[in-house]
N, C-alpha and C. Protein backbone atom coordinates (compact mmCIF):
# COMPACT_ATOMS: atom_id res chain seq x y z
N MET A 1 0.85 -1.17 0.00
CA MET A 1 0.00 0.00 0.00
C MET A 1 0.90 1.24 0.00
N TYR A 2 0.62 2.17 -0.90
CA TYR A 2 1.46 3.35 -1.03
C TYR A 2 1.14 4.37 0.07
N THR A 3 2.18 4.84 0.73
CA THR A 3 2.09 6.00 1.62
C THR A 3 3.33 6.85 1.38
N GLN A 4 3.25 8.10 1.74
CA GLN A 4 4.39 8.99 1.54
C GLN A 4 5.58 8.56 2.39
N SER A 5 5.31 8.13 3.62
CA SER A 5 6.42 7.71 4.48
C SER A 5 7.08 6.43 3.95
N ASN A 6 6.30 5.50 3.39
CA ASN A 6 6.89 4.30 2.80
C ASN A 6 7.75 4.65 1.59
N CYS A 7 7.29 5.61 0.80
CA CYS A 7 8.07 6.05 -0.36
C CYS A 7 9.38 6.66 0.07
N LEU A 8 9.35 7.51 1.11
CA LEU A 8 10.58 8.13 1.61
C LEU A 8 11.54 7.08 2.17
N LEU A 9 10.99 6.06 2.85
CA LEU A 9 11.84 4.99 3.37
C LEU A 9 12.47 4.19 2.24
N GLU A 10 11.72 3.95 1.18
CA GLU A 10 12.27 3.22 0.04
C GLU A 10 13.35 4.04 -0.67
N CYS A 11 13.15 5.34 -0.76
CA CYS A 11 14.17 6.22 -1.36
C CYS A 11 15.45 6.20 -0.51
N ARG A 12 15.26 6.25 0.80
CA ARG A 12 16.40 6.19 1.73
C ARG A 12 17.13 4.86 1.60
N THR A 13 16.36 3.79 1.48
CA THR A 13 16.93 2.45 1.32
C THR A 13 17.75 2.36 0.04
N ASP A 14 17.20 2.85 -1.07
CA ASP A 14 17.91 2.80 -2.35
C ASP A 14 19.21 3.59 -2.30
N HIS A 15 19.18 4.73 -1.62
CA HIS A 15 20.38 5.57 -1.52
C HIS A 15 21.47 4.86 -0.69
N VAL A 16 21.08 4.27 0.42
CA VAL A 16 22.04 3.54 1.26
C VAL A 16 22.59 2.33 0.50
N LEU A 17 21.74 1.60 -0.20
CA LEU A 17 22.15 0.43 -0.97
C LEU A 17 23.13 0.82 -2.08
N LYS A 18 22.88 1.94 -2.72
CA LYS A 18 23.75 2.40 -3.80
C LYS A 18 25.14 2.78 -3.27
N GLN A 19 25.19 3.41 -2.10
CA GLN A 19 26.48 3.86 -1.57
C GLN A 19 27.23 2.77 -0.80
N CYS A 20 26.51 1.90 -0.09
CA CYS A 20 27.18 0.94 0.80
C CYS A 20 27.09 -0.50 0.31
N GLY A 21 26.19 -0.80 -0.57
CA GLY A 21 26.02 -2.19 -1.02
C GLY A 21 25.23 -3.03 -0.04
N CYS A 22 24.63 -2.40 0.97
CA CYS A 22 23.83 -3.10 1.95
C CYS A 22 22.79 -2.14 2.50
N VAL A 23 21.84 -2.67 3.25
CA VAL A 23 20.81 -1.84 3.87
C VAL A 23 20.75 -2.15 5.36
N GLU A 24 20.17 -1.22 6.12
CA GLU A 24 20.01 -1.47 7.54
C GLU A 24 18.90 -2.49 7.76
N TYR A 25 18.88 -3.11 8.92
CA TYR A 25 17.99 -4.25 9.17
C TYR A 25 16.51 -3.88 9.07
N PHE A 26 16.13 -2.63 9.33
CA PHE A 26 14.72 -2.24 9.34
C PHE A 26 14.23 -1.76 7.97
N MET A 27 15.13 -1.67 7.01
CA MET A 27 14.76 -1.16 5.69
C MET A 27 14.16 -2.27 4.83
N PRO A 28 13.28 -1.92 3.91
CA PRO A 28 12.70 -2.95 3.03
C PRO A 28 13.78 -3.53 2.12
N ARG A 29 13.70 -4.84 1.89
CA ARG A 29 14.72 -5.51 1.07
C ARG A 29 14.17 -6.83 0.58
N ASN A 30 14.86 -7.43 -0.37
CA ASN A 30 14.52 -8.79 -0.80
C ASN A 30 15.55 -9.75 -0.20
N ASN A 31 15.42 -11.02 -0.50
CA ASN A 31 16.27 -12.04 0.14
C ASN A 31 17.74 -11.94 -0.27
N THR A 32 18.03 -11.32 -1.40
CA THR A 32 19.41 -11.26 -1.86
C THR A 32 20.14 -10.00 -1.40
N THR A 33 19.44 -9.07 -0.82
CA THR A 33 20.06 -7.82 -0.36
C THR A 33 20.76 -8.04 0.97
N ALA A 34 22.00 -7.58 1.05
CA ALA A 34 22.79 -7.75 2.27
C ALA A 34 22.35 -6.73 3.33
N ILE A 35 22.43 -7.17 4.58
CA ILE A 35 22.14 -6.29 5.71
C ILE A 35 23.47 -5.77 6.24
N CYS A 36 23.55 -4.46 6.48
CA CYS A 36 24.79 -3.85 6.96
C CYS A 36 25.11 -4.33 8.36
N GLY A 37 26.31 -4.84 8.53
CA GLY A 37 26.78 -5.25 9.85
C GLY A 37 27.40 -4.07 10.57
N ASN A 38 28.08 -4.37 11.69
CA ASN A 38 28.71 -3.31 12.47
C ASN A 38 29.78 -2.56 11.69
N SER A 39 30.47 -3.27 10.80
CA SER A 39 31.56 -2.63 10.05
C SER A 39 31.03 -1.61 9.04
N LEU A 40 29.82 -1.81 8.53
CA LEU A 40 29.26 -0.90 7.52
C LEU A 40 28.19 0.03 8.09
N LEU A 41 27.99 0.01 9.39
CA LEU A 41 26.97 0.84 10.00
C LEU A 41 27.27 2.33 9.83
N ASP A 42 28.56 2.70 9.95
CA ASP A 42 28.95 4.09 9.74
C ASP A 42 28.68 4.53 8.31
N CYS A 43 28.91 3.63 7.36
CA CYS A 43 28.64 3.94 5.96
C CYS A 43 27.15 4.23 5.76
N ALA A 44 26.29 3.43 6.39
CA ALA A 44 24.84 3.62 6.25
C ALA A 44 24.41 4.95 6.85
N VAL A 45 24.95 5.29 8.01
CA VAL A 45 24.61 6.57 8.65
C VAL A 45 25.09 7.73 7.79
N ASN A 46 26.30 7.63 7.25
CA ASN A 46 26.83 8.68 6.37
C ASN A 46 26.01 8.80 5.09
N ALA A 47 25.54 7.67 4.57
CA ALA A 47 24.71 7.69 3.36
C ALA A 47 23.37 8.38 3.63
N GLU A 48 22.79 8.13 4.81
CA GLU A 48 21.53 8.80 5.15
C GLU A 48 21.74 10.30 5.31
N ASN A 49 22.85 10.71 5.92
CA ASN A 49 23.16 12.14 6.04
C ASN A 49 23.42 12.76 4.68
N ASP A 50 24.08 12.00 3.80
CA ASP A 50 24.32 12.47 2.44
C ASP A 50 23.00 12.65 1.69
N LEU A 51 22.06 11.75 1.93
CA LEU A 51 20.75 11.85 1.28
C LEU A 51 20.05 13.16 1.67
N ILE A 52 20.18 13.56 2.92
CA ILE A 52 19.58 14.82 3.36
C ILE A 52 20.17 15.99 2.58
N GLU A 53 21.49 15.98 2.40
CA GLU A 53 22.15 17.05 1.64
C GLU A 53 21.72 17.03 0.17
N VAL A 54 21.62 15.83 -0.41
CA VAL A 54 21.19 15.71 -1.81
C VAL A 54 19.77 16.23 -1.97
N GLN A 55 18.89 15.92 -1.02
CA GLN A 55 17.51 16.41 -1.08
C GLN A 55 17.46 17.93 -0.98
N LYS A 56 18.27 18.51 -0.10
CA LYS A 56 18.31 19.97 0.03
C LYS A 56 18.76 20.61 -1.28
N LYS A 57 19.80 20.07 -1.88
CA LYS A 57 20.32 20.64 -3.13
C LYS A 57 19.30 20.49 -4.26
N SER A 58 18.60 19.37 -4.29
CA SER A 58 17.61 19.19 -5.36
C SER A 58 16.42 20.12 -5.17
N LYS A 59 16.06 20.43 -3.92
CA LYS A 59 14.97 21.38 -3.68
C LYS A 59 15.36 22.79 -4.11
N ILE A 60 16.62 23.14 -3.89
CA ILE A 60 17.10 24.46 -4.31
C ILE A 60 17.01 24.58 -5.83
N LYS A 61 17.30 23.49 -6.54
CA LYS A 61 17.21 23.48 -8.00
C LYS A 61 15.77 23.43 -8.49
N GLY A 62 14.83 23.14 -7.60
CA GLY A 62 13.42 23.04 -8.00
C GLY A 62 13.00 21.62 -8.32
N ASP A 63 13.85 20.65 -8.05
CA ASP A 63 13.52 19.24 -8.28
C ASP A 63 13.17 18.59 -6.95
N ASP A 64 12.75 17.36 -7.04
CA ASP A 64 12.53 16.56 -5.83
C ASP A 64 13.24 15.24 -6.04
N TYR A 65 14.27 14.99 -5.26
CA TYR A 65 15.11 13.80 -5.45
C TYR A 65 14.30 12.52 -5.31
N CYS A 66 13.50 12.41 -4.27
CA CYS A 66 12.73 11.19 -4.05
C CYS A 66 11.39 11.21 -4.77
N ASP A 67 10.83 12.38 -5.01
CA ASP A 67 9.55 12.56 -5.68
C ASP A 67 8.45 11.74 -5.03
N CYS A 68 8.31 11.85 -3.73
CA CYS A 68 7.29 11.12 -2.98
C CYS A 68 6.08 12.01 -2.75
N LYS A 69 4.99 11.69 -3.38
CA LYS A 69 3.75 12.45 -3.24
C LYS A 69 2.93 11.87 -2.10
N PRO A 70 2.04 12.66 -1.51
CA PRO A 70 1.18 12.12 -0.45
C PRO A 70 0.18 11.12 -1.03
N ALA A 71 -0.27 10.21 -0.20
CA ALA A 71 -1.25 9.20 -0.62
C ALA A 71 -2.58 9.89 -0.90
N CYS A 72 -3.37 9.30 -1.80
CA CYS A 72 -4.66 9.89 -2.17
C CYS A 72 -5.64 9.90 -1.02
N SER A 73 -5.52 8.95 -0.13
CA SER A 73 -6.52 8.82 0.93
C SER A 73 -6.00 9.27 2.29
N SER A 74 -4.93 10.04 2.33
CA SER A 74 -4.39 10.44 3.63
C SER A 74 -5.11 11.68 4.14
N LEU A 75 -5.48 11.63 5.39
CA LEU A 75 -6.13 12.76 6.05
C LEU A 75 -5.38 13.07 7.34
N LYS A 76 -4.98 14.31 7.48
CA LYS A 76 -4.31 14.72 8.71
C LYS A 76 -4.86 16.08 9.10
N PHE A 77 -5.28 16.18 10.33
CA PHE A 77 -5.84 17.43 10.83
C PHE A 77 -5.11 17.82 12.10
N ARG A 78 -3.84 18.05 12.02
CA ARG A 78 -3.08 18.45 13.19
C ARG A 78 -2.60 19.88 13.00
N ALA A 79 -2.82 20.69 13.98
CA ALA A 79 -2.34 22.07 13.94
C ALA A 79 -1.42 22.31 15.13
N GLU A 80 -0.40 23.05 14.90
CA GLU A 80 0.51 23.42 15.98
C GLU A 80 0.55 24.93 16.08
N ILE A 81 0.54 25.42 17.28
CA ILE A 81 0.56 26.86 17.51
C ILE A 81 1.74 27.16 18.43
N SER A 82 2.48 28.18 18.09
CA SER A 82 3.56 28.62 18.97
C SER A 82 3.52 30.14 19.02
N GLN A 83 4.13 30.67 20.04
CA GLN A 83 4.16 32.12 20.18
C GLN A 83 5.47 32.54 20.82
N ALA A 84 5.82 33.79 20.60
CA ALA A 84 7.04 34.35 21.18
C ALA A 84 6.84 35.85 21.35
N ASN A 85 7.68 36.43 22.16
CA ASN A 85 7.62 37.88 22.33
C ASN A 85 8.08 38.57 21.05
N TYR A 86 7.46 39.68 20.75
CA TYR A 86 7.76 40.42 19.53
C TYR A 86 8.35 41.77 19.93
N ASP A 87 9.58 42.00 19.56
CA ASP A 87 10.26 43.24 19.92
C ASP A 87 10.11 44.24 18.79
N GLU A 88 9.05 45.04 18.87
CA GLU A 88 8.80 46.01 17.80
C GLU A 88 9.83 47.14 17.81
N GLY A 89 10.49 47.35 18.94
CA GLY A 89 11.54 48.38 19.01
C GLY A 89 12.67 48.09 18.05
N LYS A 90 13.11 46.85 17.99
CA LYS A 90 14.19 46.48 17.06
C LYS A 90 13.74 46.64 15.61
N LEU A 91 12.47 46.29 15.33
CA LEU A 91 11.96 46.46 13.97
C LEU A 91 11.93 47.93 13.59
N LEU A 92 11.48 48.78 14.52
CA LEU A 92 11.45 50.22 14.25
C LEU A 92 12.85 50.78 14.01
N ASN A 93 13.82 50.32 14.79
CA ASN A 93 15.20 50.78 14.61
C ASN A 93 15.75 50.40 13.24
N THR A 94 15.42 49.21 12.75
CA THR A 94 15.90 48.80 11.42
C THR A 94 15.26 49.65 10.33
N GLN A 95 14.05 50.16 10.57
CA GLN A 95 13.36 50.99 9.59
C GLN A 95 13.70 52.48 9.77
N GLY A 96 14.45 52.81 10.82
CA GLY A 96 14.81 54.20 11.08
C GLY A 96 13.66 54.99 11.69
N LEU A 97 12.75 54.31 12.41
CA LEU A 97 11.59 54.95 13.02
C LEU A 97 11.71 54.89 14.53
N THR A 98 10.87 55.65 15.20
CA THR A 98 10.78 55.60 16.67
C THR A 98 9.34 55.34 17.06
N TYR A 99 9.13 55.12 18.35
CA TYR A 99 7.77 54.88 18.83
C TYR A 99 6.87 56.09 18.57
N ALA A 100 7.43 57.28 18.61
CA ALA A 100 6.62 58.49 18.38
C ALA A 100 6.09 58.52 16.95
N ASP A 101 6.87 57.96 16.00
CA ASP A 101 6.43 57.94 14.60
C ASP A 101 5.25 57.02 14.38
N THR A 102 5.09 56.02 15.22
CA THR A 102 4.04 55.01 15.03
C THR A 102 3.05 55.04 16.18
N LYS A 103 2.78 56.21 16.69
CA LYS A 103 1.87 56.34 17.84
C LYS A 103 0.49 55.81 17.47
N GLY A 104 -0.09 55.00 18.36
CA GLY A 104 -1.43 54.44 18.13
C GLY A 104 -1.43 53.20 17.27
N THR A 105 -0.28 52.64 16.99
CA THR A 105 -0.19 51.43 16.16
C THR A 105 0.00 50.22 17.05
N ALA A 106 -0.77 49.19 16.78
CA ALA A 106 -0.61 47.92 17.49
C ALA A 106 0.16 46.97 16.58
N TRP A 107 1.16 46.30 17.14
CA TRP A 107 2.03 45.44 16.34
C TRP A 107 1.69 43.98 16.54
N THR A 108 1.55 43.28 15.43
CA THR A 108 1.33 41.84 15.44
C THR A 108 2.04 41.25 14.25
N LEU A 109 2.61 40.10 14.44
CA LEU A 109 3.29 39.40 13.35
C LEU A 109 2.76 37.98 13.30
N LEU A 110 2.37 37.53 12.14
CA LEU A 110 1.80 36.20 11.98
C LEU A 110 2.54 35.47 10.86
N HIS A 111 3.07 34.31 11.18
CA HIS A 111 3.71 33.44 10.19
C HIS A 111 2.89 32.16 10.11
N ILE A 112 2.60 31.71 8.90
CA ILE A 112 1.88 30.46 8.70
C ILE A 112 2.77 29.54 7.89
N TYR A 113 2.97 28.33 8.40
CA TYR A 113 3.78 27.33 7.73
C TYR A 113 2.97 26.05 7.57
N PHE A 114 3.23 25.32 6.52
CA PHE A 114 2.60 24.02 6.33
C PHE A 114 3.51 22.95 6.92
N LYS A 115 2.91 22.04 7.64
CA LYS A 115 3.69 20.99 8.29
C LYS A 115 4.19 19.97 7.28
N GLU A 116 3.39 19.69 6.28
CA GLU A 116 3.75 18.71 5.26
C GLU A 116 4.35 19.41 4.05
N GLU A 117 5.05 18.65 3.26
CA GLU A 117 5.71 19.21 2.08
C GLU A 117 4.70 19.55 0.99
N TYR A 118 3.64 18.77 0.89
CA TYR A 118 2.63 18.97 -0.15
C TYR A 118 1.30 19.30 0.50
N VAL A 119 0.53 20.14 -0.16
CA VAL A 119 -0.80 20.48 0.32
C VAL A 119 -1.77 20.20 -0.82
N THR A 120 -2.81 19.43 -0.54
CA THR A 120 -3.82 19.11 -1.53
C THR A 120 -5.11 19.84 -1.16
N THR A 121 -5.62 20.59 -2.10
CA THR A 121 -6.87 21.30 -1.83
C THR A 121 -8.04 20.34 -1.97
N MET A 122 -9.05 20.56 -1.17
CA MET A 122 -10.23 19.69 -1.18
C MET A 122 -11.48 20.53 -1.08
N GLU A 123 -12.56 19.98 -1.59
CA GLU A 123 -13.86 20.62 -1.45
C GLU A 123 -14.84 19.54 -1.02
N ARG A 124 -15.60 19.83 0.02
CA ARG A 124 -16.57 18.86 0.52
C ARG A 124 -17.97 19.30 0.13
N ASN A 125 -18.74 18.38 -0.39
CA ASN A 125 -20.13 18.62 -0.76
C ASN A 125 -20.98 17.52 -0.16
N GLU A 126 -22.27 17.81 -0.05
CA GLU A 126 -23.16 16.77 0.47
C GLU A 126 -23.29 15.66 -0.55
N LEU A 127 -23.35 14.46 -0.06
CA LEU A 127 -23.47 13.31 -0.94
C LEU A 127 -24.92 13.10 -1.34
N TYR A 128 -25.83 13.25 -0.40
CA TYR A 128 -27.26 13.10 -0.66
C TYR A 128 -27.99 14.34 -0.17
N GLY A 129 -28.80 14.94 -1.03
CA GLY A 129 -29.63 16.07 -0.65
C GLY A 129 -31.01 15.61 -0.24
N ILE A 130 -31.88 16.57 0.03
CA ILE A 130 -33.25 16.24 0.45
C ILE A 130 -34.02 15.55 -0.67
N SER A 131 -33.81 15.97 -1.91
CA SER A 131 -34.52 15.33 -3.02
C SER A 131 -34.07 13.88 -3.19
N ASP A 132 -32.78 13.62 -2.98
CA ASP A 132 -32.29 12.24 -3.04
C ASP A 132 -32.91 11.39 -1.94
N LEU A 133 -33.03 11.97 -0.76
CA LEU A 133 -33.63 11.25 0.37
C LEU A 133 -35.08 10.88 0.07
N ILE A 134 -35.85 11.84 -0.44
CA ILE A 134 -37.27 11.57 -0.75
C ILE A 134 -37.40 10.52 -1.84
N SER A 135 -36.59 10.65 -2.90
CA SER A 135 -36.72 9.69 -4.00
C SER A 135 -36.28 8.29 -3.56
N ASN A 136 -35.22 8.20 -2.76
CA ASN A 136 -34.79 6.88 -2.28
C ASN A 136 -35.81 6.28 -1.33
N PHE A 137 -36.38 7.10 -0.46
CA PHE A 137 -37.40 6.62 0.47
C PHE A 137 -38.62 6.11 -0.29
N GLY A 138 -39.07 6.88 -1.28
CA GLY A 138 -40.21 6.45 -2.10
C GLY A 138 -39.90 5.20 -2.90
N GLY A 139 -38.69 5.11 -3.41
CA GLY A 139 -38.31 3.92 -4.18
C GLY A 139 -38.27 2.68 -3.32
N VAL A 140 -37.75 2.79 -2.11
CA VAL A 140 -37.70 1.63 -1.22
C VAL A 140 -39.10 1.22 -0.79
N LEU A 141 -39.95 2.20 -0.45
CA LEU A 141 -41.33 1.87 -0.09
C LEU A 141 -42.06 1.19 -1.23
N GLY A 142 -41.87 1.73 -2.45
CA GLY A 142 -42.52 1.12 -3.60
C GLY A 142 -42.02 -0.28 -3.88
N LEU A 143 -40.76 -0.50 -3.67
CA LEU A 143 -40.17 -1.81 -3.93
C LEU A 143 -40.66 -2.86 -2.94
N PHE A 144 -40.68 -2.51 -1.65
CA PHE A 144 -40.99 -3.50 -0.64
C PHE A 144 -42.46 -3.60 -0.27
N THR A 145 -43.25 -2.55 -0.47
CA THR A 145 -44.65 -2.61 -0.03
C THR A 145 -45.64 -2.35 -1.15
N GLY A 146 -45.18 -2.05 -2.34
CA GLY A 146 -46.11 -1.75 -3.42
C GLY A 146 -46.75 -0.39 -3.23
N PHE A 147 -46.18 0.44 -2.40
CA PHE A 147 -46.73 1.75 -2.08
C PHE A 147 -46.26 2.75 -3.12
N SER A 148 -47.13 3.69 -3.51
CA SER A 148 -46.76 4.77 -4.42
C SER A 148 -47.41 6.05 -3.94
N LEU A 149 -47.04 7.16 -4.56
CA LEU A 149 -47.64 8.44 -4.19
C LEU A 149 -49.12 8.46 -4.54
N LEU A 150 -49.51 7.76 -5.59
CA LEU A 150 -50.93 7.69 -5.95
C LEU A 150 -51.71 6.99 -4.85
N SER A 151 -51.12 5.94 -4.27
CA SER A 151 -51.78 5.26 -3.14
C SER A 151 -51.90 6.21 -1.95
N LEU A 152 -50.93 7.04 -1.72
CA LEU A 152 -50.98 8.01 -0.63
C LEU A 152 -52.12 9.00 -0.85
N PHE A 153 -52.28 9.50 -2.08
CA PHE A 153 -53.36 10.43 -2.36
C PHE A 153 -54.73 9.76 -2.23
N GLU A 154 -54.83 8.49 -2.61
CA GLU A 154 -56.09 7.77 -2.45
C GLU A 154 -56.45 7.63 -0.96
N ILE A 155 -55.47 7.32 -0.14
CA ILE A 155 -55.71 7.19 1.30
C ILE A 155 -56.15 8.54 1.88
N LEU A 156 -55.48 9.61 1.50
CA LEU A 156 -55.88 10.94 1.96
C LEU A 156 -57.28 11.31 1.48
N TYR A 157 -57.64 10.95 0.25
CA TYR A 157 -58.97 11.23 -0.30
C TYR A 157 -60.04 10.51 0.52
N PHE A 158 -59.85 9.23 0.77
CA PHE A 158 -60.86 8.46 1.50
C PHE A 158 -60.96 8.88 2.96
N CYS A 159 -59.86 9.38 3.55
CA CYS A 159 -59.88 9.79 4.96
C CYS A 159 -60.37 11.22 5.16
N SER A 160 -60.41 12.03 4.13
CA SER A 160 -60.78 13.43 4.35
C SER A 160 -61.88 13.89 3.41
N LEU A 161 -61.58 14.05 2.17
CA LEU A 161 -62.52 14.62 1.21
C LEU A 161 -63.74 13.74 1.01
N ARG A 162 -63.60 12.47 0.97
CA ARG A 162 -64.71 11.54 0.77
C ARG A 162 -65.69 11.61 1.94
N ILE A 163 -65.14 11.64 3.17
CA ILE A 163 -65.99 11.71 4.37
C ILE A 163 -66.76 13.03 4.36
N PHE A 164 -66.08 14.13 4.01
CA PHE A 164 -66.72 15.44 3.98
C PHE A 164 -67.85 15.48 2.95
N CYS A 165 -67.60 14.94 1.74
CA CYS A 165 -68.63 14.94 0.68
C CYS A 165 -69.81 14.04 1.05
N ASN A 166 -69.57 12.87 1.60
CA ASN A 166 -70.67 11.96 2.00
C ASN A 166 -71.51 12.61 3.10
N GLU A 167 -70.88 13.29 4.01
CA GLU A 167 -71.60 13.95 5.09
C GLU A 167 -72.51 15.03 4.52
N ARG A 168 -72.05 15.74 3.54
CA ARG A 168 -72.81 16.82 2.96
C ARG A 168 -73.95 16.31 2.08
N LEU A 169 -73.67 15.27 1.28
CA LEU A 169 -74.69 14.76 0.35
C LEU A 169 -75.72 13.86 1.04
N TYR A 170 -75.27 12.96 1.88
CA TYR A 170 -76.15 11.94 2.44
C TYR A 170 -76.45 12.14 3.92
N GLY A 171 -75.77 13.06 4.58
CA GLY A 171 -75.99 13.28 6.00
C GLY A 171 -75.31 12.25 6.86
N SER A 172 -74.52 11.38 6.28
CA SER A 172 -73.78 10.35 7.02
C SER A 172 -72.39 10.23 6.41
N TRP A 173 -71.39 10.00 7.23
CA TRP A 173 -70.03 9.92 6.72
C TRP A 173 -69.81 8.70 5.84
N SER A 174 -70.64 7.65 6.01
CA SER A 174 -70.45 6.43 5.22
C SER A 174 -71.22 6.43 3.92
N GLY A 175 -72.03 7.45 3.68
CA GLY A 175 -72.77 7.52 2.42
C GLY A 175 -74.12 6.84 2.54
N SER A 176 -74.68 6.48 1.39
CA SER A 176 -76.03 5.88 1.41
C SER A 176 -76.02 4.40 1.67
């Protein structure tokens, strides 16, 4: 099953295998791939550190070395908030201003960062509306009980209008 973290681990594994000829014990491998022993453990650690540098350089160039996209079905709703003191005096000094120049100004600074490397936009819509509910309800009733809207109108006619008309014409709700 594809996940972004599995893709990154596989990229890391390929990089270590290419540089050292072996992989660490926790990395994905087949039966013919050698596992790095104590003698090659430093090589594996150096290869992983080298991979970080290669990824940084490829990002500067506008490429992505591993090219690991997020999974289609991944959902993460984690937000982190941090705060710190804001020294507006230092900012004013860099701009050549003083507090008197900015009298009545309130200072706030807001930085927004994305936790993940990729952001996928989404739009949520209702799956079933009220018309879908009514049509499905009517369809199920018709399927299982032989009920239809015409039957509903007939029941309403016999329970209301028919009784009213019989009462008026014959003086009795049941008719003649």
